[in-house]
Amino acid sequence: MSPAPLLKEARGSTTGYHAARRSRLTEVHMSDIHKARVRDFLARVLTGGDIDATGEYFAVDMVEEVPLPGQGPGLNGLKETLARIRSAFPDSTWTVEEQIAEGDKVLTRFVWTGTHRGEFLGIPATQRPINVWGMVIDQFSGDTIVSTRILMDTFGMMMQLGVIPAGGA
């Protein structure tokens, strides 16, 4: 076969190129939508305290990959845990520092601040402020989160609460 038909075939495959480009643009658009959904959840639910709105962001059978101690399964378990966090830290503020999205997943790096005013994980209120960094990886189906994995500096938080003594030189 001469190179001319191969070249023509490669050049003529614009349909495949355009379809792939449209697919990539749709993926980028969905990534932006997913990132905005996570930002809205942090602002409305975690910072604003609208725990009942959690179901607008998460599937009923969502999976918490790394649940907090005592967290039950699914959406109801998540809502109960968020209510306990909000009760312990009523002035909670969650700030998005950075987001990265690929495919159906969004990684959000955040800072959580608040004052420990109620029992949390068996620790009585200390009235101490916290400033905790963390990351969460959320997986979407459509515009709904179906799986989440939160990783926080729990050790640092426990030091801030005075549960673990801060090291000194």
Protein backbone atom coordinates (compact mmCIF):
# COMPACT_ATOMS: atom_id res chain seq x y z
CA MET A 1 0.00 0.00 0.00
CA SER A 2 1.38 3.39 -0.91
CA PRO A 3 1.71 6.08 1.77
CA ALA A 4 -0.94 8.30 0.10
CA PRO A 5 -4.00 6.24 1.23
CA LEU A 6 -2.58 6.00 4.75
CA LEU A 7 -2.01 9.75 4.87
CA LYS A 8 -5.49 10.38 3.48
CA GLU A 9 -6.94 7.98 6.06
CA ALA A 10 -5.12 9.74 8.89
CA ARG A 11 -6.16 13.18 7.67
CA GLY A 12 -9.68 12.00 6.88
CA SER A 13 -10.32 10.81 10.42
CA THR A 14 -11.46 14.24 11.55
CA THR A 15 -14.68 12.69 12.77
CA GLY A 16 -12.68 10.67 15.31
CA TYR A 17 -10.58 13.72 16.20
CA HIS A 18 -13.60 15.98 16.68
CA ALA A 19 -15.47 13.35 18.66
CA ALA A 20 -12.45 12.93 20.95
CA ARG A 21 -12.13 16.71 21.29
CA ARG A 22 -15.85 17.06 22.12
CA SER A 23 -15.49 14.25 24.64
CA ARG A 24 -12.49 16.01 26.24
CA LEU A 25 -14.35 19.34 26.35
CA THR A 26 -17.32 17.61 27.98
CA GLU A 27 -14.95 16.01 30.51
CA VAL A 28 -13.38 19.40 31.29
CA HIS A 29 -16.84 20.94 31.63
CA MET A 30 -17.98 18.13 33.96
CA SER A 31 -14.78 18.49 36.01
CA ASP A 32 -15.56 22.18 36.50
CA ILE A 33 -19.15 21.31 37.49
CA HIS A 34 -17.90 18.67 39.94
CA LYS A 35 -15.40 21.08 41.51
CA ALA A 36 -18.13 23.69 41.90
CA ARG A 37 -20.44 21.11 43.53
CA VAL A 38 -17.76 20.28 46.13
CA ARG A 39 -17.10 23.98 46.81
CA ASP A 40 -20.84 24.57 47.21
CA PHE A 41 -21.14 21.61 49.61
CA LEU A 42 -18.29 22.93 51.77
CA ALA A 43 -19.80 26.42 51.84
CA ARG A 44 -23.46 25.49 52.31
CA VAL A 45 -23.28 22.38 54.47
CA LEU A 46 -19.95 22.28 56.30
CA THR A 47 -19.50 26.03 56.84
CA GLY A 48 -23.15 27.11 56.65
CA GLY A 49 -24.46 24.25 58.77
CA ASP A 50 -27.29 23.19 56.41
CA ILE A 51 -26.83 19.47 57.20
CA ASP A 52 -30.24 18.60 55.71
CA ALA A 53 -28.94 19.71 52.29
CA THR A 54 -26.31 16.94 52.30
CA GLY A 55 -28.63 14.72 50.25
CA GLU A 56 -28.54 17.26 47.42
CA TYR A 57 -24.85 16.43 46.95
CA PHE A 58 -24.49 12.76 47.98
CA ALA A 59 -26.18 9.55 46.85
CA VAL A 60 -28.30 7.73 49.44
CA ASP A 61 -25.98 4.73 49.23
CA MET A 62 -22.77 6.79 49.13
CA VAL A 63 -19.64 5.15 50.51
CA GLU A 64 -17.35 6.84 53.03
CA GLU A 65 -14.05 5.09 52.30
CA VAL A 66 -12.44 6.23 55.56
CA PRO A 67 -15.30 6.75 58.03
CA LEU A 68 -14.85 8.55 61.33
CA PRO A 69 -15.23 6.37 64.42
CA GLY A 70 -18.92 5.62 64.94
CA GLN A 71 -19.98 6.75 61.47
CA GLY A 72 -22.80 4.66 60.07
CA PRO A 73 -23.20 3.71 56.41
CA GLY A 74 -24.59 5.78 53.56
CA LEU A 75 -26.10 9.22 53.49
CA ASN A 76 -27.73 8.90 56.92
CA GLY A 77 -24.42 7.95 58.53
CA LEU A 78 -22.73 10.93 56.86
CA LYS A 79 -25.46 13.34 57.98
CA GLU A 80 -25.26 12.09 61.58
CA THR A 81 -21.48 12.52 61.57
CA LEU A 82 -21.70 16.02 60.09
CA ALA A 83 -24.27 16.98 62.75
CA ARG A 84 -21.89 15.74 65.49
CA ILE A 85 -19.01 17.74 63.97
CA ARG A 86 -21.19 20.85 63.69
CA SER A 87 -22.35 20.44 67.31
CA ALA A 88 -18.75 20.13 68.53
CA PHE A 89 -17.46 22.98 66.34
CA PRO A 90 -20.45 25.31 65.76
CA ASP A 91 -18.28 28.04 64.23
CA SER A 92 -16.68 25.68 61.68
CA THR A 93 -15.30 27.21 58.51
CA TRP A 94 -14.07 25.07 55.63
CA THR A 95 -11.90 26.88 53.08
CA VAL A 96 -10.95 25.40 49.71
CA GLU A 97 -7.25 25.89 49.07
CA GLU A 98 -6.91 23.91 45.83
CA GLN A 99 -8.83 21.51 43.62
CA ILE A 100 -7.75 19.01 40.99
CA ALA A 101 -10.21 17.06 38.85
CA GLU A 102 -9.78 14.14 36.50
CA GLY A 103 -12.54 12.05 35.01
CA ASP A 104 -15.24 11.53 37.64
CA LYS A 105 -13.03 12.43 40.64
CA VAL A 106 -12.24 15.69 42.42
CA LEU A 107 -9.47 16.16 44.95
CA THR A 108 -10.02 19.16 47.22
CA ARG A 109 -7.34 20.46 49.58
CA PHE A 110 -8.96 22.40 52.42
CA VAL A 111 -8.40 24.05 55.79
CA TRP A 112 -10.94 23.52 58.57
CA THR A 113 -11.07 26.03 61.41
CA GLY A 114 -13.34 26.26 64.40
CA THR A 115 -13.60 26.28 68.19
CA HIS A 116 -14.11 23.05 70.15
CA ARG A 117 -17.32 23.84 72.06
CA GLY A 118 -18.83 20.35 72.41
CA GLU A 119 -17.92 16.67 72.73
CA PHE A 120 -16.02 15.30 69.73
CA LEU A 121 -14.81 11.69 69.42
CA GLY A 122 -15.23 11.29 73.17
CA ILE A 123 -13.24 14.45 73.94
CA PRO A 124 -15.12 16.99 76.09
CA ALA A 125 -15.19 20.59 74.91
CA THR A 126 -11.83 22.30 75.37
CA GLN A 127 -12.83 25.76 74.05
CA ARG A 128 -9.62 25.63 71.98
CA PRO A 129 -9.41 26.74 68.36
CA ILE A 130 -8.39 24.32 65.63
CA ASN A 131 -6.79 24.88 62.25
CA VAL A 132 -6.67 21.55 60.41
CA TRP A 133 -5.48 20.86 56.87
CA GLY A 134 -6.88 18.01 54.85
CA MET A 135 -7.82 16.60 51.48
CA VAL A 136 -10.92 14.84 50.24
CA ILE A 137 -11.31 12.75 47.11
CA ASP A 138 -14.89 12.67 45.86
CA GLN A 139 -16.10 10.38 43.08
CA PHE A 140 -19.15 11.43 41.08
CA SER A 141 -21.87 9.72 39.12
CA GLY A 142 -23.49 12.52 37.15
CA ASP A 143 -23.60 15.45 39.57
CA THR A 144 -23.89 13.27 42.70
CA ILE A 145 -21.06 12.14 44.97
CA VAL A 146 -21.11 8.35 45.31
CA SER A 147 -17.80 7.82 47.12
CA THR A 148 -15.68 10.04 49.34
CA ARG A 149 -12.35 9.66 51.12
CA ILE A 150 -11.28 12.35 53.59
CA LEU A 151 -7.73 12.57 54.89
CA MET A 152 -7.07 15.12 57.64
CA ASP A 153 -4.26 16.02 60.00
CA THR A 154 -6.01 14.34 62.91
CA PHE A 155 -2.77 14.12 64.91
CA GLY A 156 -2.25 17.87 64.60
CA MET A 157 -5.88 18.47 65.57
CA MET A 158 -5.47 16.34 68.70
CA MET A 159 -2.37 18.34 69.63
CA GLN A 160 -4.32 21.60 69.13
CA LEU A 161 -7.08 20.26 71.38
CA GLY A 162 -4.49 19.39 74.06
CA VAL A 163 -5.26 15.65 73.90
CA ILE A 164 -1.74 14.86 72.71
CA PRO A 165 1.06 16.94 74.22
CA ALA A 166 2.86 19.15 71.72
CA GLY A 167 6.50 18.15 71.39
CA GLY A 168 9.14 20.63 72.44
CA ALA A 169 12.87 20.92 72.19
